[in-house]
Amino acid sequence: MDLQDQLKNLFPDHEPETPEPTAAEKSDIWLQDDPIICKYEKRKGKPITILEGYNGAESDFKKLAKELKTKLSVGGSFKNGQIIIQGDYRDRIMTLLKEKGFSVKRVGG
């Protein structure tokens, strides 16, 4: 018998409340209609993944860049409206962005 069953036995008339997600729990990054372009390049012989095409606030795009770099445990930068991630992480980046609600378009290879 788990805790939920014990609570139901003690308080049969009680219905547990489901809290609504607060604004902080919801995505604090502005979602857009146009897809984000995710492309692969090699610079100086090393692979990089470039994300571009975000038309929201630059600060939101910087937050997204920091979050992606943290989750992937890789280096990268934010320059000229592009997120540059070191390595070929297109598939993982696309799944992370789709989970957040973005539409993503894969370009190149």
PDB file of N, CA and C in Angstrom:
ATOM      1  N   MET A   1       0.853  -1.172   0.000  1.00  0.00           N
ATOM      2  CA  MET A   1       0.000   0.000   0.000  1.00  0.00           C
ATOM      3  C   MET A   1       0.900   1.237   0.000  1.00  0.00           C
ATOM      4  N   ASP A   2       0.756   2.084  -1.011  1.00  0.00           N
ATOM      5  CA  ASP A   2       1.616   3.258  -1.082  1.00  0.00           C
ATOM      6  C   ASP A   2       0.971   4.444  -0.376  1.00  0.00           C
ATOM      7  N   LEU A   3       1.664   5.552  -0.374  1.00  0.00           N
ATOM      8  CA  LEU A   3       1.237   6.732   0.356  1.00  0.00           C
ATOM      9  C   LEU A   3      -0.080   7.290  -0.183  1.00  0.00           C
ATOM     10  N   GLN A   4      -0.265   7.283  -1.488  1.00  0.00           N
ATOM     11  CA  GLN A   4      -1.503   7.807  -2.065  1.00  0.00           C
ATOM     12  C   GLN A   4      -2.713   6.998  -1.605  1.00  0.00           C
ATOM     13  N   ASP A   5      -2.579   5.669  -1.535  1.00  0.00           N
ATOM     14  CA  ASP A   5      -3.685   4.828  -1.061  1.00  0.00           C
ATOM     15  C   ASP A   5      -3.983   5.096   0.407  1.00  0.00           C
ATOM     16  N   GLN A   6      -2.960   5.288   1.202  1.00  0.00           N
ATOM     17  CA  GLN A   6      -3.158   5.574   2.623  1.00  0.00           C
ATOM     18  C   GLN A   6      -3.880   6.911   2.805  1.00  0.00           C
ATOM     19  N   LEU A   7      -3.500   7.906   2.020  1.00  0.00           N
ATOM     20  CA  LEU A   7      -4.166   9.201   2.118  1.00  0.00           C
ATOM     21  C   LEU A   7      -5.621   9.113   1.682  1.00  0.00           C
ATOM     22  N   LYS A   8      -5.916   8.291   0.671  1.00  0.00           N
ATOM     23  CA  LYS A   8      -7.299   8.122   0.231  1.00  0.00           C
ATOM     24  C   LYS A   8      -8.136   7.440   1.307  1.00  0.00           C
ATOM     25  N   ASN A   9      -7.517   6.505   2.042  1.00  0.00           N
ATOM     26  CA  ASN A   9      -8.238   5.838   3.124  1.00  0.00           C
ATOM     27  C   ASN A   9      -8.518   6.793   4.277  1.00  0.00           C
ATOM     28  N   LEU A  10      -7.561   7.674   4.583  1.00  0.00           N
ATOM     29  CA  LEU A  10      -7.742   8.612   5.686  1.00  0.00           C
ATOM     30  C   LEU A  10      -8.708   9.740   5.332  1.00  0.00           C
ATOM     31  N   PHE A  11      -8.627  10.221   4.099  1.00  0.00           N
ATOM     32  CA  PHE A  11      -9.450  11.350   3.662  1.00  0.00           C
ATOM     33  C   PHE A  11     -10.164  10.989   2.364  1.00  0.00           C
ATOM     34  N   PRO A  12     -11.280  10.247   2.461  1.00  0.00           N
ATOM     35  CA  PRO A  12     -11.941   9.777   1.240  1.00  0.00           C
ATOM     36  C   PRO A  12     -12.587  10.899   0.417  1.00  0.00           C
ATOM     37  N   ASP A  13     -12.972  12.017   1.043  1.00  0.00           N
ATOM     38  CA  ASP A  13     -13.646  13.089   0.312  1.00  0.00           C
ATOM     39  C   ASP A  13     -12.669  14.078  -0.330  1.00  0.00           C
ATOM     40  N   HIS A  14     -11.411  13.995   0.029  1.00  0.00           N
ATOM     41  CA  HIS A  14     -10.428  14.956  -0.476  1.00  0.00           C
ATOM     42  C   HIS A  14     -10.012  14.622  -1.908  1.00  0.00           C
ATOM     43  N   GLU A  15     -10.017  15.649  -2.743  1.00  0.00           N
ATOM     44  CA  GLU A  15      -9.524  15.490  -4.106  1.00  0.00           C
ATOM     45  C   GLU A  15      -8.255  16.326  -4.238  1.00  0.00           C
ATOM     46  N   PRO A  16      -7.156  15.706  -4.612  1.00  0.00           N
ATOM     47  CA  PRO A  16      -5.906  16.464  -4.703  1.00  0.00           C
ATOM     48  C   PRO A  16      -5.967  17.500  -5.818  1.00  0.00           C
ATOM     49  N   GLU A  17      -5.372  18.667  -5.535  1.00  0.00           N
ATOM     50  CA  GLU A  17      -5.345  19.740  -6.523  1.00  0.00           C
ATOM     51  C   GLU A  17      -4.131  19.558  -7.422  1.00  0.00           C
ATOM     52  N   THR A  18      -4.319  19.824  -8.691  1.00  0.00           N
ATOM     53  CA  THR A  18      -3.187  19.800  -9.611  1.00  0.00           C
ATOM     54  C   THR A  18      -2.801  21.245  -9.887  1.00  0.00           C
ATOM     55  N   PRO A  19      -1.631  21.661  -9.425  1.00  0.00           N
ATOM     56  CA  PRO A  19      -1.243  23.054  -9.612  1.00  0.00           C
ATOM     57  C   PRO A  19      -0.962  23.363 -11.074  1.00  0.00           C
ATOM     58  N   GLU A  20      -1.401  24.546 -11.495  1.00  0.00           N
ATOM     59  CA  GLU A  20      -1.135  24.963 -12.870  1.00  0.00           C
ATOM     60  C   GLU A  20       0.316  25.420 -12.956  1.00  0.00           C
ATOM     61  N   PRO A  21       0.965  25.158 -14.085  1.00  0.00           N
ATOM     62  CA  PRO A  21       2.351  25.592 -14.199  1.00  0.00           C
ATOM     63  C   PRO A  21       2.448  27.112 -14.178  1.00  0.00           C
ATOM     64  N   THR A  22       3.401  27.609 -13.430  1.00  0.00           N
ATOM     65  CA  THR A  22       3.599  29.046 -13.347  1.00  0.00           C
ATOM     66  C   THR A  22       4.310  29.534 -14.603  1.00  0.00           C
ATOM     67  N   ALA A  23       4.448  30.829 -14.714  1.00  0.00           N
ATOM     68  CA  ALA A  23       5.104  31.398 -15.897  1.00  0.00           C
ATOM     69  C   ALA A  23       6.566  30.972 -15.962  1.00  0.00           C
ATOM     70  N   ALA A  24       7.207  30.789 -14.808  1.00  0.00           N
ATOM     71  CA  ALA A  24       8.609  30.374 -14.796  1.00  0.00           C
ATOM     72  C   ALA A  24       8.755  28.921 -15.244  1.00  0.00           C
ATOM     73  N   GLU A  25       7.758  28.083 -14.950  1.00  0.00           N
ATOM     74  CA  GLU A  25       7.830  26.684 -15.347  1.00  0.00           C
ATOM     75  C   GLU A  25       7.537  26.519 -16.837  1.00  0.00           C
ATOM     76  N   LYS A  26       6.729  27.408 -17.386  1.00  0.00           N
ATOM     77  CA  LYS A  26       6.481  27.367 -18.812  1.00  0.00           C
ATOM     78  C   LYS A  26       7.733  27.871 -19.509  1.00  0.00           C
ATOM     79  N   SER A  27       7.802  27.649 -20.790  1.00  0.00           N
ATOM     80  CA  SER A  27       8.964  28.094 -21.552  1.00  0.00           C
ATOM     81  C   SER A  27       9.046  29.605 -21.485  1.00  0.00           C
ATOM     82  N   ASP A  28      10.172  30.126 -20.981  1.00  0.00           N
ATOM     83  CA  ASP A  28      10.337  31.563 -20.888  1.00  0.00           C
ATOM     84  C   ASP A  28      10.980  32.134 -22.143  1.00  0.00           C
ATOM     85  N   ILE A  29      11.127  31.299 -23.164  1.00  0.00           N
ATOM     86  CA  ILE A  29      11.703  31.745 -24.429  1.00  0.00           C
ATOM     87  C   ILE A  29      10.574  31.864 -25.436  1.00  0.00           C
ATOM     88  N   TRP A  30      10.569  32.963 -26.175  1.00  0.00           N
ATOM     89  CA  TRP A  30       9.518  33.221 -27.154  1.00  0.00           C
ATOM     90  C   TRP A  30       9.616  32.220 -28.284  1.00  0.00           C
ATOM     91  N   LEU A  31       8.508  31.554 -28.570  1.00  0.00           N
ATOM     92  CA  LEU A  31       8.458  30.584 -29.659  1.00  0.00           C
ATOM     93  C   LEU A  31       8.026  31.296 -30.930  1.00  0.00           C
ATOM     94  N   GLN A  32       8.532  30.843 -32.058  1.00  0.00           N
ATOM     95  CA  GLN A  32       8.262  31.508 -33.326  1.00  0.00           C
ATOM     96  C   GLN A  32       7.557  30.582 -34.290  1.00  0.00           C
ATOM     97  N   ASP A  33       7.045  31.176 -35.375  1.00  0.00           N
ATOM     98  CA  ASP A  33       6.339  30.398 -36.387  1.00  0.00           C
ATOM     99  C   ASP A  33       7.301  29.786 -37.402  1.00  0.00           C
ATOM    100  N   ASP A  34       8.302  30.542 -37.822  1.00  0.00           N
ATOM    101  CA  ASP A  34       9.268  30.058 -38.805  1.00  0.00           C
ATOM    102  C   ASP A  34      10.225  29.071 -38.148  1.00  0.00           C
ATOM    103  N   PRO A  35      10.669  28.057 -38.882  1.00  0.00           N
ATOM    104  CA  PRO A  35      11.586  27.083 -38.277  1.00  0.00           C
ATOM    105  C   PRO A  35      12.982  27.662 -38.078  1.00  0.00           C
ATOM    106  N   ILE A  36      13.662  27.170 -37.065  1.00  0.00           N
ATOM    107  CA  ILE A  36      15.060  27.505 -36.835  1.00  0.00           C
ATOM    108  C   ILE A  36      15.886  26.620 -37.751  1.00  0.00           C
ATOM    109  N   ILE A  37      16.846  27.206 -38.438  1.00  0.00           N
ATOM    110  CA  ILE A  37      17.700  26.471 -39.363  1.00  0.00           C
ATOM    111  C   ILE A  37      18.854  25.849 -38.587  1.00  0.00           C
ATOM    112  N   CYS A  38      19.018  24.546 -38.726  1.00  0.00           N
ATOM    113  CA  CYS A  38      20.095  23.812 -38.060  1.00  0.00           C
ATOM    114  C   CYS A  38      20.987  23.242 -39.148  1.00  0.00           C
ATOM    115  N   LYS A  39      22.201  23.778 -39.275  1.00  0.00           N
ATOM    116  CA  LYS A  39      23.069  23.308 -40.352  1.00  0.00           C
ATOM    117  C   LYS A  39      24.444  22.917 -39.826  1.00  0.00           C
ATOM    118  N   TYR A  40      25.140  22.164 -40.658  1.00  0.00           N
ATOM    119  CA  TYR A  40      26.434  21.584 -40.324  1.00  0.00           C
ATOM    120  C   TYR A  40      27.488  22.160 -41.255  1.00  0.00           C
ATOM    121  N   GLU A  41      28.617  22.556 -40.688  1.00  0.00           N
ATOM    122  CA  GLU A  41      29.735  23.056 -41.482  1.00  0.00           C
ATOM    123  C   GLU A  41      31.024  22.533 -40.889  1.00  0.00           C
ATOM    124  N   LYS A  42      32.084  22.676 -41.681  1.00  0.00           N
ATOM    125  CA  LYS A  42      33.426  22.408 -41.169  1.00  0.00           C
ATOM    126  C   LYS A  42      34.216  23.692 -41.310  1.00  0.00           C
ATOM    127  N   ARG A  43      34.806  24.126 -40.214  1.00  0.00           N
ATOM    128  CA  ARG A  43      35.667  25.298 -40.225  1.00  0.00           C
ATOM    129  C   ARG A  43      37.037  24.885 -39.718  1.00  0.00           C
ATOM    130  N   LYS A  44      38.036  25.136 -40.532  1.00  0.00           N
ATOM    131  CA  LYS A  44      39.416  24.748 -40.212  1.00  0.00           C
ATOM    132  C   LYS A  44      39.504  23.252 -39.924  1.00  0.00           C
ATOM    133  N   GLY A  45      38.707  22.462 -40.640  1.00  0.00           N
ATOM    134  CA  GLY A  45      38.741  21.016 -40.503  1.00  0.00           C
ATOM    135  C   GLY A  45      37.959  20.455 -39.340  1.00  0.00           C
ATOM    136  N   LYS A  46      37.320  21.323 -38.551  1.00  0.00           N
ATOM    137  CA  LYS A  46      36.575  20.847 -37.380  1.00  0.00           C
ATOM    138  C   LYS A  46      35.074  21.052 -37.598  1.00  0.00           C
ATOM    139  N   PRO A  47      34.265  20.064 -37.184  1.00  0.00           N
ATOM    140  CA  PRO A  47      32.816  20.169 -37.413  1.00  0.00           C
ATOM    141  C   PRO A  47      32.158  21.136 -36.423  1.00  0.00           C
ATOM    142  N   ILE A  48      31.193  21.893 -36.915  1.00  0.00           N
ATOM    143  CA  ILE A  48      30.389  22.768 -36.062  1.00  0.00           C
ATOM    144  C   ILE A  48      28.934  22.674 -36.494  1.00  0.00           C
ATOM    145  N   THR A  49      28.042  22.975 -35.571  1.00  0.00           N
ATOM    146  CA  THR A  49      26.610  23.028 -35.841  1.00  0.00           C
ATOM    147  C   THR A  49      26.175  24.477 -35.657  1.00  0.00           C
ATOM    148  N   ILE A  50      25.461  25.008 -36.628  1.00  0.00           N
ATOM    149  CA  ILE A  50      25.030  26.402 -36.590  1.00  0.00           C
ATOM    150  C   ILE A  50      23.511  26.459 -36.548  1.00  0.00           C
ATOM    151  N   LEU A  51      22.980  27.257 -35.615  1.00  0.00           N
ATOM    152  CA  LEU A  51      21.538  27.500 -35.520  1.00  0.00           C
ATOM    153  C   LEU A  51      21.295  28.958 -35.861  1.00  0.00           C
ATOM    154  N   GLU A  52      20.377  29.198 -36.770  1.00  0.00           N
ATOM    155  CA  GLU A  52      20.056  30.570 -37.148  1.00  0.00           C
ATOM    156  C   GLU A  52      18.598  30.657 -37.548  1.00  0.00           C
ATOM    157  N   GLY A  53      18.111  31.882 -37.689  1.00  0.00           N
ATOM    158  CA  GLY A  53      16.733  32.085 -38.117  1.00  0.00           C
ATOM    159  C   GLY A  53      15.777  32.378 -36.982  1.00  0.00           C
ATOM    160  N   TYR A  54      16.277  32.677 -35.787  1.00  0.00           N
ATOM    161  CA  TYR A  54      15.414  33.020 -34.653  1.00  0.00           C
ATOM    162  C   TYR A  54      15.054  34.488 -34.767  1.00  0.00           C
ATOM    163  N   ASN A  55      13.778  34.829 -34.719  1.00  0.00           N
ATOM    164  CA  ASN A  55      13.395  36.222 -34.878  1.00  0.00           C
ATOM    165  C   ASN A  55      12.806  36.830 -33.615  1.00  0.00           C
ATOM    166  N   GLY A  56      13.128  36.270 -32.465  1.00  0.00           N
ATOM    167  CA  GLY A  56      12.700  36.837 -31.191  1.00  0.00           C
ATOM    168  C   GLY A  56      13.768  37.761 -30.637  1.00  0.00           C
ATOM    169  N   ALA A  57      13.712  37.980 -29.342  1.00  0.00           N
ATOM    170  CA  ALA A  57      14.690  38.846 -28.687  1.00  0.00           C
ATOM    171  C   ALA A  57      16.064  38.167 -28.644  1.00  0.00           C
ATOM    172  N   GLU A  58      17.092  38.976 -28.770  1.00  0.00           N
ATOM    173  CA  GLU A  58      18.450  38.440 -28.770  1.00  0.00           C
ATOM    174  C   GLU A  58      18.790  37.814 -27.418  1.00  0.00           C
ATOM    175  N   SER A  59      18.264  38.378 -26.336  1.00  0.00           N
ATOM    176  CA  SER A  59      18.547  37.825 -25.011  1.00  0.00           C
ATOM    177  C   SER A  59      17.957  36.419 -24.856  1.00  0.00           C
ATOM    178  N   ASP A  60      16.786  36.175 -25.466  1.00  0.00           N
ATOM    179  CA  ASP A  60      16.189  34.831 -25.424  1.00  0.00           C
ATOM    180  C   ASP A  60      17.034  33.834 -26.198  1.00  0.00           C
ATOM    181  N   PHE A  61      17.582  34.275 -27.339  1.00  0.00           N
ATOM    182  CA  PHE A  61      18.422  33.395 -28.149  1.00  0.00           C
ATOM    183  C   PHE A  61      19.715  33.070 -27.398  1.00  0.00           C
ATOM    184  N   LYS A  62      20.225  34.036 -26.636  1.00  0.00           N
ATOM    185  CA  LYS A  62      21.428  33.792 -25.827  1.00  0.00           C
ATOM    186  C   LYS A  62      21.135  32.792 -24.713  1.00  0.00           C
ATOM    187  N   LYS A  63      19.949  32.903 -24.106  1.00  0.00           N
ATOM    188  CA  LYS A  63      19.549  31.930 -23.073  1.00  0.00           C
ATOM    189  C   LYS A  63      19.465  30.530 -23.662  1.00  0.00           C
ATOM    190  N   LEU A  64      18.895  30.444 -24.861  1.00  0.00           N
ATOM    191  CA  LEU A  64      18.777  29.157 -25.537  1.00  0.00           C
ATOM    192  C   LEU A  64      20.157  28.594 -25.847  1.00  0.00           C
ATOM    193  N   ALA A  65      21.084  29.445 -26.279  1.00  0.00           N
ATOM    194  CA  ALA A  65      22.453  29.001 -26.570  1.00  0.00           C
ATOM    195  C   ALA A  65      23.116  28.448 -25.318  1.00  0.00           C
ATOM    196  N   LYS A  66      22.960  29.141 -24.215  1.00  0.00           N
ATOM    197  CA  LYS A  66      23.567  28.689 -22.962  1.00  0.00           C
ATOM    198  C   LYS A  66      22.970  27.360 -22.517  1.00  0.00           C
ATOM    199  N   GLU A  67      21.663  27.224 -22.644  1.00  0.00           N
ATOM    200  CA  GLU A  67      21.003  25.980 -22.242  1.00  0.00           C
ATOM    201  C   GLU A  67      21.450  24.798 -23.105  1.00  0.00           C
ATOM    202  N   LEU A  68      21.556  25.026 -24.418  1.00  0.00           N
ATOM    203  CA  LEU A  68      21.992  23.949 -25.315  1.00  0.00           C
ATOM    204  C   LEU A  68      23.426  23.536 -25.002  1.00  0.00           C
ATOM    205  N   LYS A  69      24.307  24.504 -24.788  1.00  0.00           N
ATOM    206  CA  LYS A  69      25.702  24.188 -24.492  1.00  0.00           C
ATOM    207  C   LYS A  69      25.813  23.418 -23.179  1.00  0.00           C
ATOM    208  N   THR A  70      24.984  23.774 -22.212  1.00  0.00           N
ATOM    209  CA  THR A  70      25.015  23.087 -20.922  1.00  0.00           C
ATOM    210  C   THR A  70      24.510  21.655 -21.052  1.00  0.00           C
ATOM    211  N   LYS A  71      23.384  21.474 -21.749  1.00  0.00           N
ATOM    212  CA  LYS A  71      22.810  20.132 -21.880  1.00  0.00           C
ATOM    213  C   LYS A  71      23.685  19.205 -22.703  1.00  0.00           C
ATOM    214  N   LEU A  72      24.359  19.752 -23.714  1.00  0.00           N
ATOM    215  CA  LEU A  72      25.210  18.926 -24.562  1.00  0.00           C
ATOM    216  C   LEU A  72      26.627  18.793 -24.016  1.00  0.00           C
ATOM    217  N   SER A  73      26.966  19.600 -23.027  1.00  0.00           N
ATOM    218  CA  SER A  73      28.312  19.611 -22.432  1.00  0.00           C
ATOM    219  C   SER A  73      29.383  19.874 -23.487  1.00  0.00           C
ATOM    220  N   VAL A  74      29.147  20.899 -24.289  1.00  0.00           N
ATOM    221  CA  VAL A  74      30.096  21.270 -25.334  1.00  0.00           C
ATOM    222  C   VAL A  74      30.318  22.776 -25.290  1.00  0.00           C
ATOM    223  N   GLY A  75      31.319  23.212 -26.027  1.00  0.00           N
ATOM    224  CA  GLY A  75      31.583  24.632 -26.149  1.00  0.00           C
ATOM    225  C   GLY A  75      30.819  25.219 -27.313  1.00  0.00           C
ATOM    226  N   GLY A  76      30.807  26.517 -27.361  1.00  0.00           N
ATOM    227  CA  GLY A  76      30.135  27.192 -28.450  1.00  0.00           C
ATOM    228  C   GLY A  76      30.089  28.678 -28.195  1.00  0.00           C
ATOM    229  N   SER A  77      29.427  29.396 -29.074  1.00  0.00           N
ATOM    230  CA  SER A  77      29.336  30.839 -28.920  1.00  0.00           C
ATOM    231  C   SER A  77      28.060  31.351 -29.573  1.00  0.00           C
ATOM    232  N   PHE A  78      27.796  32.628 -29.327  1.00  0.00           N
ATOM    233  CA  PHE A  78      26.672  33.324 -29.928  1.00  0.00           C
ATOM    234  C   PHE A  78      27.235  34.541 -30.646  1.00  0.00           C
ATOM    235  N   LYS A  79      27.159  34.559 -31.984  1.00  0.00           N
ATOM    236  CA  LYS A  79      27.695  35.672 -32.766  1.00  0.00           C
ATOM    237  C   LYS A  79      26.763  35.973 -33.931  1.00  0.00           C
ATOM    238  N   ASN A  80      26.538  37.255 -34.172  1.00  0.00           N
ATOM    239  CA  ASN A  80      25.800  37.719 -35.346  1.00  0.00           C
ATOM    240  C   ASN A  80      24.456  37.017 -35.529  1.00  0.00           C
ATOM    241  N   GLY A  81      23.742  36.814 -34.457  1.00  0.00           N
ATOM    242  CA  GLY A  81      22.427  36.171 -34.552  1.00  0.00           C
ATOM    243  C   GLY A  81      22.466  34.689 -34.833  1.00  0.00           C
ATOM    244  N   GLN A  82      23.607  34.045 -34.585  1.00  0.00           N
ATOM    245  CA  GLN A  82      23.758  32.607 -34.790  1.00  0.00           C
ATOM    246  C   GLN A  82      24.288  31.967 -33.516  1.00  0.00           C
ATOM    247  N   ILE A  83      23.837  30.741 -33.257  1.00  0.00           N
ATOM    248  CA  ILE A  83      24.423  29.927 -32.194  1.00  0.00           C
ATOM    249  C   ILE A  83      25.372  28.957 -32.872  1.00  0.00           C
ATOM    250  N   ILE A  84      26.623  28.962 -32.446  1.00  0.00           N
ATOM    251  CA  ILE A  84      27.628  28.071 -33.017  1.00  0.00           C
ATOM    252  C   ILE A  84      28.019  27.070 -31.940  1.00  0.00           C
ATOM    253  N   ILE A  85      27.768  25.796 -32.198  1.00  0.00           N
ATOM    254  CA  ILE A  85      28.062  24.709 -31.266  1.00  0.00           C
ATOM    255  C   ILE A  85      29.215  23.896 -31.842  1.00  0.00           C
ATOM    256  N   GLN A  86      30.205  23.591 -31.017  1.00  0.00           N
ATOM    257  CA  GLN A  86      31.344  22.803 -31.471  1.00  0.00           C
ATOM    258  C   GLN A  86      30.944  21.339 -31.584  1.00  0.00           C
ATOM    259  N   GLY A  87      31.107  20.766 -32.770  1.00  0.00           N
ATOM    260  CA  GLY A  87      30.782  19.364 -33.004  1.00  0.00           C
ATOM    261  C   GLY A  87      29.503  19.212 -33.808  1.00  0.00           C
ATOM    262  N   ASP A  88      29.264  18.003 -34.272  1.00  0.00           N
ATOM    263  CA  ASP A  88      28.068  17.700 -35.057  1.00  0.00           C
ATOM    264  C   ASP A  88      26.999  17.136 -34.120  1.00  0.00           C
ATOM    265  N   TYR A  89      26.128  17.999 -33.623  1.00  0.00           N
ATOM    266  CA  TYR A  89      25.083  17.605 -32.687  1.00  0.00           C
ATOM    267  C   TYR A  89      23.701  17.924 -33.249  1.00  0.00           C
ATOM    268  N   ARG A  90      23.548  17.868 -34.570  1.00  0.00           N
ATOM    269  CA  ARG A  90      22.277  18.261 -35.177  1.00  0.00           C
ATOM    270  C   ARG A  90      21.093  17.460 -34.649  1.00  0.00           C
ATOM    271  N   ASP A  91      21.244  16.149 -34.561  1.00  0.00           N
ATOM    272  CA  ASP A  91      20.115  15.311 -34.129  1.00  0.00           C
ATOM    273  C   ASP A  91      19.711  15.620 -32.689  1.00  0.00           C
ATOM    274  N   ARG A  92      20.679  15.707 -31.803  1.00  0.00           N
ATOM    275  CA  ARG A  92      20.368  15.972 -30.395  1.00  0.00           C
ATOM    276  C   ARG A  92      19.798  17.372 -30.209  1.00  0.00           C
ATOM    277  N   ILE A  93      20.342  18.349 -30.939  1.00  0.00           N
ATOM    278  CA  ILE A  93      19.837  19.718 -30.839  1.00  0.00           C
ATOM    279  C   ILE A  93      18.406  19.789 -31.347  1.00  0.00           C
ATOM    280  N   MET A  94      18.132  19.101 -32.443  1.00  0.00           N
ATOM    281  CA  MET A  94      16.785  19.128 -33.007  1.00  0.00           C
ATOM    282  C   MET A  94      15.772  18.511 -32.049  1.00  0.00           C
ATOM    283  N   THR A  95      16.132  17.418 -31.390  1.00  0.00           N
ATOM    284  CA  THR A  95      15.189  16.817 -30.435  1.00  0.00           C
ATOM    285  C   THR A  95      14.986  17.727 -29.227  1.00  0.00           C
ATOM    286  N   LEU A  96      16.060  18.371 -28.744  1.00  0.00           N
ATOM    287  CA  LEU A  96      15.916  19.287 -27.610  1.00  0.00           C
ATOM    288  C   LEU A  96      15.021  20.469 -27.966  1.00  0.00           C
ATOM    289  N   LEU A  97      15.201  21.024 -29.152  1.00  0.00           N
ATOM    290  CA  LEU A  97      14.390  22.167 -29.567  1.00  0.00           C
ATOM    291  C   LEU A  97      12.937  21.765 -29.801  1.00  0.00           C
ATOM    292  N   LYS A  98      12.709  20.563 -30.332  1.00  0.00           N
ATOM    293  CA  LYS A  98      11.336  20.103 -30.549  1.00  0.00           C
ATOM    294  C   LYS A  98      10.621  19.874 -29.221  1.00  0.00           C
ATOM    295  N   GLU A  99      11.357  19.402 -28.209  1.00  0.00           N
ATOM    296  CA  GLU A  99      10.761  19.229 -26.877  1.00  0.00           C
ATOM    297  C   GLU A  99      10.350  20.572 -26.289  1.00  0.00           C
ATOM    298  N   LYS A 100      11.090  21.620 -26.615  1.00  0.00           N
ATOM    299  CA  LYS A 100      10.767  22.955 -26.118  1.00  0.00           C
ATOM    300  C   LYS A 100       9.633  23.609 -26.901  1.00  0.00           C
ATOM    301  N   GLY A 101       9.263  23.026 -28.059  1.00  0.00           N
ATOM    302  CA  GLY A 101       8.153  23.563 -28.832  1.00  0.00           C
ATOM    303  C   GLY A 101       8.561  24.304 -30.092  1.00  0.00           C
ATOM    304  N   PHE A 102       9.834  24.330 -30.409  1.00  0.00           N
ATOM    305  CA  PHE A 102      10.303  24.995 -31.625  1.00  0.00           C
ATOM    306  C   PHE A 102      10.115  24.083 -32.818  1.00  0.00           C
ATOM    307  N   SER A 103       9.983  24.699 -33.992  1.00  0.00           N
ATOM    308  CA  SER A 103      10.047  23.913 -35.217  1.00  0.00           C
ATOM    309  C   SER A 103      11.448  24.106 -35.774  1.00  0.00           C
ATOM    310  N   VAL A 104      12.065  23.013 -36.225  1.00  0.00           N
ATOM    311  CA  VAL A 104      13.457  23.030 -36.642  1.00  0.00           C
ATOM    312  C   VAL A 104      13.559  22.445 -38.042  1.00  0.00           C
ATOM    313  N   LYS A 105      14.411  23.052 -38.856  1.00  0.00           N
ATOM    314  CA  LYS A 105      14.630  22.570 -40.211  1.00  0.00           C
ATOM    315  C   LYS A 105      16.102  22.204 -40.353  1.00  0.00           C
ATOM    316  N   ARG A 106      16.375  20.993 -40.805  1.00  0.00           N
ATOM    317  CA  ARG A 106      17.737  20.512 -40.963  1.00  0.00           C
ATOM    318  C   ARG A 106      18.235  20.879 -42.360  1.00  0.00           C
ATOM    319  N   VAL A 107      19.417  21.480 -42.426  1.00  0.00           N
ATOM    320  CA  VAL A 107      19.995  21.919 -43.689  1.00  0.00           C
ATOM    321  C   VAL A 107      21.392  21.330 -43.805  1.00  0.00           C
ATOM    322  N   GLY A 108      21.711  20.776 -44.954  1.00  0.00           N
ATOM    323  CA  GLY A 108      23.058  20.288 -45.226  1.00  0.00           C
ATOM    324  C   GLY A 108      23.321  18.903 -44.666  1.00  0.00           C
ATOM    325  N   GLY A 109      23.586  17.972 -45.537  1.00  0.00           N
ATOM    326  CA  GLY A 109      23.995  16.609 -45.145  1.00  0.00           C
ATOM    327  C   GLY A 109      22.941  15.891 -44.442  1.00  0.00           C
TER     328      GLY A 109
END
